[in-house]
Amino acid sequence: MVTVIGQGLNRVDGPSKVSGRARYAYEQWVADQPLYGAIVSATIGTGRITRIDTTRAERSPGVRLVMTHHNTPAQGTPDASIPIPYARAYPVLSGPDVHHYGEPVALVVAETFEQAQAAAHLIDVDYAAEPGRYDFTASQEYAYAPETVKGRWPTDTEVGNFDSAFETSAVRVDERYTTPYEFSQPMEPQAAVAVWHGEDLTAYVSCQTVASARAAIANTLRIGAQRIHIATPYVGGGFGSKP
């Protein structure tokens, strides 16, 4: 057994990351003429898409494809029996319903990244917004404890008797503290490069659990996991946003 708590450890990938030599998912140059995708995100928190017009985007220079819920290929559905949520199918653009702010509502594929971004701004989307709850403090009456955490761990754990120990303590501090929302900014942005080799797919992705990423892609595309190959030599920060 090796004890590492309290000891300084070298990050073997540190020099590569701080010097710019680490190649992240987006930096994998795997084709002479790659295509680029730009996502159009929902501007409401919950509701439905009532109209989406892609005419101008489709006529924009360099555009190869504009995908919405009207022409998205069939995808797998999430299977709750799979214990790891990150390994389940993750369908997108599968319907007009909007579940959260920033949810993808369209995808533009073009010959350059700039062309894809420019065309994405030309898509017109109308929504029927619905009331939502976005303030944790104001919506505490709706809070509840799930039966389990991630489908397998108990929601609450208890060791000892806090109430009696607190009451008999020589010194007691009883205060409530709140903190503002915080958003992580990893070194590597969310990105992926997909390369097809016949019926096999190699995905250069930014993830922390390679097996789950492979399963999620296979379940979403409804193809065998043996056809999915995941490459993720570096993760430029996870912070809970890169499964």
Protein backbone atom coordinates (compact mmCIF):
# COMPACT_ATOMS: atom_id res chain seq x y z
CA MET A 1 0.00 0.00 0.00
CA VAL A 2 1.27 3.45 -0.94
CA THR A 3 0.06 6.49 1.00
CA VAL A 4 -0.15 9.65 -1.11
CA ILE A 5 -2.20 11.94 1.14
CA GLY A 6 -0.14 14.94 2.17
CA GLN A 7 2.61 14.29 -0.36
CA GLY A 8 3.47 16.41 -3.36
CA LEU A 9 2.97 14.59 -6.66
CA ASN A 10 4.14 15.62 -10.09
CA ARG A 11 1.53 16.05 -12.82
CA VAL A 12 3.12 14.08 -15.62
CA ASP A 13 1.02 15.91 -18.21
CA GLY A 14 1.59 19.34 -16.68
CA PRO A 15 4.51 20.47 -18.89
CA SER A 16 2.64 19.46 -22.05
CA LYS A 17 -0.47 21.38 -21.03
CA VAL A 18 1.19 24.61 -19.94
CA SER A 19 3.49 24.65 -22.99
CA GLY A 20 0.70 24.06 -25.50
CA ARG A 21 2.01 20.69 -26.68
CA ALA A 22 -1.01 18.76 -25.38
CA ARG A 23 -3.41 18.13 -28.26
CA TYR A 24 -7.02 18.28 -27.18
CA ALA A 25 -10.02 16.85 -29.00
CA TYR A 26 -10.60 19.87 -31.24
CA GLU A 27 -6.93 19.95 -32.28
CA GLN A 28 -6.85 16.49 -33.83
CA TRP A 29 -6.19 17.08 -37.54
CA VAL A 30 -7.49 13.90 -39.12
CA ALA A 31 -8.66 15.00 -42.59
CA ASP A 32 -7.48 17.40 -45.29
CA GLN A 33 -10.93 18.95 -45.63
CA PRO A 34 -12.85 18.52 -42.38
CA LEU A 35 -16.37 19.83 -41.93
CA TYR A 36 -17.34 21.98 -38.96
CA GLY A 37 -20.50 22.05 -36.91
CA ALA A 38 -22.08 24.96 -35.04
CA ILE A 39 -24.92 24.46 -32.55
CA VAL A 40 -27.89 26.78 -32.28
CA SER A 41 -29.00 26.91 -28.64
CA ALA A 42 -32.43 27.55 -27.14
CA THR A 43 -32.96 31.02 -25.74
CA ILE A 44 -35.75 30.00 -23.33
CA GLY A 45 -35.66 27.82 -20.24
CA THR A 46 -38.70 25.67 -20.98
CA GLY A 47 -41.40 25.53 -23.62
CA ARG A 48 -41.73 24.51 -27.26
CA ILE A 49 -40.44 25.48 -30.67
CA THR A 50 -43.39 26.80 -32.67
CA ARG A 51 -41.47 27.71 -35.84
CA ILE A 52 -37.94 27.19 -37.09
CA ASP A 53 -36.87 28.62 -40.45
CA THR A 54 -33.56 27.42 -41.85
CA THR A 55 -33.96 28.85 -45.37
CA ARG A 56 -31.32 31.56 -45.08
CA ALA A 57 -28.87 29.25 -43.36
CA GLU A 58 -29.20 26.58 -46.04
CA ARG A 59 -28.38 29.17 -48.72
CA SER A 60 -25.37 30.50 -46.83
CA PRO A 61 -21.91 29.92 -48.38
CA GLY A 62 -20.20 26.64 -47.54
CA VAL A 63 -23.17 25.07 -45.75
CA ARG A 64 -23.53 21.34 -46.28
CA LEU A 65 -26.32 20.50 -43.86
CA VAL A 66 -28.77 22.14 -41.49
CA MET A 67 -30.33 19.73 -39.01
CA THR A 68 -33.33 20.36 -36.77
CA HIS A 69 -35.94 18.16 -35.11
CA HIS A 70 -37.65 18.01 -38.52
CA ASN A 71 -34.89 16.01 -40.21
CA THR A 72 -32.86 14.40 -37.43
CA PRO A 73 -32.16 10.67 -37.95
CA ALA A 74 -33.69 8.23 -35.49
CA GLN A 75 -31.79 7.99 -32.20
CA GLY A 76 -31.82 5.75 -29.18
CA THR A 77 -33.79 6.62 -26.06
CA PRO A 78 -32.31 6.79 -22.55
CA ASP A 79 -32.48 3.46 -20.74
CA ALA A 80 -32.96 3.99 -17.00
CA SER A 81 -31.84 0.43 -16.31
CA ILE A 82 -28.27 1.39 -17.25
CA PRO A 83 -26.81 2.35 -13.84
CA ILE A 84 -24.38 4.97 -15.15
CA PRO A 85 -26.33 7.91 -16.64
CA TYR A 86 -23.37 8.93 -18.81
CA ALA A 87 -23.53 5.58 -20.63
CA ARG A 88 -27.16 5.99 -21.67
CA ALA A 89 -28.35 7.29 -25.02
CA TYR A 90 -28.42 11.07 -25.26
CA PRO A 91 -30.75 12.03 -28.11
CA VAL A 92 -30.78 15.66 -29.26
CA LEU A 93 -32.92 17.56 -31.76
CA SER A 94 -35.48 14.83 -31.25
CA GLY A 95 -38.54 17.04 -30.83
CA PRO A 96 -39.86 20.61 -30.44
CA ASP A 97 -39.85 20.59 -26.63
CA VAL A 98 -37.25 22.72 -24.84
CA HIS A 99 -36.14 21.42 -21.45
CA HIS A 100 -33.43 23.89 -20.49
CA TYR A 101 -31.77 27.11 -21.58
CA GLY A 102 -29.03 26.46 -24.12
CA GLU A 103 -30.44 23.13 -25.30
CA PRO A 104 -29.49 22.45 -28.95
CA VAL A 105 -32.31 23.30 -31.36
CA ALA A 106 -30.34 23.13 -34.62
CA LEU A 107 -26.97 22.09 -36.02
CA VAL A 108 -25.24 23.71 -38.99
CA VAL A 109 -22.47 21.84 -40.83
CA ALA A 110 -20.24 23.85 -43.16
CA GLU A 111 -16.85 23.80 -44.84
CA THR A 112 -15.29 26.20 -42.34
CA PHE A 113 -15.98 27.00 -38.71
CA GLU A 114 -16.66 30.63 -39.57
CA GLN A 115 -19.20 29.65 -42.23
CA ALA A 116 -20.97 27.33 -39.79
CA GLN A 117 -21.14 30.06 -37.14
CA ALA A 118 -22.38 32.67 -39.60
CA ALA A 119 -25.10 30.39 -40.93
CA ALA A 120 -26.19 29.44 -37.42
CA HIS A 121 -27.02 33.10 -36.77
CA LEU A 122 -29.35 33.06 -39.80
CA ILE A 123 -31.72 30.47 -38.35
CA ASP A 124 -34.98 31.98 -37.09
CA VAL A 125 -36.66 30.25 -34.15
CA ASP A 126 -39.96 31.14 -32.50
CA TYR A 127 -40.87 29.72 -29.10
CA ALA A 128 -43.89 29.32 -26.89
CA ALA A 129 -42.27 29.83 -23.51
CA GLU A 130 -43.70 28.21 -20.40
CA PRO A 131 -43.26 29.16 -16.72
CA GLY A 132 -40.19 27.70 -15.11
CA ARG A 133 -38.39 27.63 -11.77
CA TYR A 134 -34.88 29.01 -11.95
CA ASP A 135 -34.20 30.29 -8.43
CA PHE A 136 -33.30 27.56 -5.94
CA THR A 137 -34.10 29.69 -2.93
CA ALA A 138 -37.50 30.79 -4.22
CA SER A 139 -38.46 27.25 -5.19
CA GLN A 140 -37.45 25.35 -2.07
CA GLU A 141 -41.03 24.20 -1.53
CA TYR A 142 -40.66 22.00 -4.60
CA ALA A 143 -37.41 20.40 -3.45
CA TYR A 144 -37.39 16.69 -2.71
CA ALA A 145 -34.89 13.97 -1.94
CA PRO A 146 -34.65 11.26 -4.62
CA GLU A 147 -34.78 7.64 -3.54
CA THR A 148 -31.19 7.06 -4.63
CA VAL A 149 -28.27 8.99 -6.06
CA LYS A 150 -27.40 7.95 -9.61
CA GLY A 151 -29.70 5.00 -9.21
CA ARG A 152 -27.60 3.06 -6.74
CA TRP A 153 -26.35 5.07 -3.74
CA PRO A 154 -28.47 6.09 -0.74
CA THR A 155 -29.57 9.72 -0.78
CA ASP A 156 -28.89 10.29 2.92
CA THR A 157 -26.20 8.80 5.13
CA GLU A 158 -25.84 9.26 8.87
CA VAL A 159 -23.04 8.38 11.27
CA GLY A 160 -23.49 9.01 14.98
CA ASN A 161 -26.04 11.38 16.48
CA PHE A 162 -25.49 14.98 15.44
CA ASP A 163 -28.27 16.51 17.52
CA SER A 164 -27.07 15.12 20.85
CA ALA A 165 -23.41 15.84 20.08
CA PHE A 166 -24.22 19.40 19.05
CA GLU A 167 -26.29 20.09 22.15
CA THR A 168 -23.54 18.90 24.50
CA SER A 169 -20.65 20.61 22.69
CA ALA A 170 -18.64 23.20 24.58
CA VAL A 171 -18.60 25.48 21.53
CA ARG A 172 -21.37 25.66 18.97
CA VAL A 173 -21.57 27.60 15.70
CA ASP A 174 -24.99 27.77 14.09
CA GLU A 175 -25.01 29.91 10.95
CA ARG A 176 -26.35 29.73 7.40
CA TYR A 177 -24.11 30.63 4.49
CA THR A 178 -25.03 31.05 0.83
CA THR A 179 -22.80 31.35 -2.22
CA PRO A 180 -23.58 32.65 -5.73
CA TYR A 181 -23.70 30.39 -8.76
CA GLU A 182 -20.28 29.50 -10.10
CA PHE A 183 -19.34 28.24 -13.53
CA SER A 184 -16.15 26.34 -14.28
CA GLN A 185 -13.94 27.37 -17.17
CA PRO A 186 -11.78 24.40 -18.18
CA MET A 187 -8.65 24.76 -20.28
CA GLU A 188 -10.25 22.67 -23.01
CA PRO A 189 -13.70 23.67 -24.29
CA GLN A 190 -16.43 21.17 -25.03
CA ALA A 191 -15.51 19.79 -28.45
CA ALA A 192 -15.37 16.60 -30.48
CA VAL A 193 -14.00 15.37 -33.79
CA ALA A 194 -15.78 12.46 -35.48
CA VAL A 195 -14.15 10.39 -38.21
CA TRP A 196 -15.86 7.54 -40.04
CA HIS A 197 -13.82 4.62 -41.36
CA GLY A 198 -16.39 2.63 -43.29
CA GLU A 199 -18.90 1.55 -40.67
CA ASP A 200 -16.59 2.30 -37.73
CA LEU A 201 -16.49 5.65 -35.93
CA THR A 202 -13.46 7.15 -34.21
CA ALA A 203 -14.47 9.95 -31.85
CA TYR A 204 -11.90 12.33 -30.41
CA VAL A 205 -13.78 13.65 -27.41
CA SER A 206 -13.18 15.48 -24.17
CA CYS A 207 -14.32 13.03 -21.50
CA GLN A 208 -13.20 11.42 -18.27
CA THR A 209 -14.87 7.99 -18.53
CA VAL A 210 -13.97 6.46 -21.87
CA ALA A 211 -16.17 3.38 -21.49
CA SER A 212 -19.25 5.49 -20.74
CA ALA A 213 -18.59 7.77 -23.71
CA ARG A 214 -18.32 4.76 -25.99
CA ALA A 215 -21.56 3.27 -24.66
CA ALA A 216 -23.43 6.59 -24.89
CA ILE A 217 -22.45 7.13 -28.53
CA ALA A 218 -23.32 3.55 -29.43
CA ASN A 219 -26.68 3.73 -27.66
CA THR A 220 -27.50 7.09 -29.22
CA LEU A 221 -26.57 6.11 -32.77
CA ARG A 222 -28.03 2.62 -32.25
CA ILE A 223 -24.94 0.82 -33.52
CA GLY A 224 -22.71 -1.79 -31.93
CA ALA A 225 -20.21 -0.56 -29.34
CA GLN A 226 -17.47 -2.55 -31.08
CA ARG A 227 -17.72 -0.04 -33.94
CA ILE A 228 -17.01 2.94 -31.68
CA HIS A 229 -13.42 3.95 -30.93
CA ILE A 230 -12.79 6.69 -28.36
CA ALA A 231 -9.61 8.79 -28.29
CA THR A 232 -9.11 11.21 -25.39
CA PRO A 233 -5.39 11.52 -24.55
CA TYR A 234 -5.92 14.67 -22.46
CA VAL A 235 -8.76 16.24 -20.51
CA GLY A 236 -8.30 19.96 -20.07
CA GLY A 237 -10.39 20.08 -16.90
CA GLY A 238 -13.61 18.24 -16.13
CA PHE A 239 -15.39 20.09 -13.30
CA GLY A 240 -18.43 17.85 -13.59
CA SER A 241 -19.18 18.92 -17.17
CA LYS A 242 -17.21 16.19 -18.95
CA PRO A 243 -18.53 12.73 -18.05
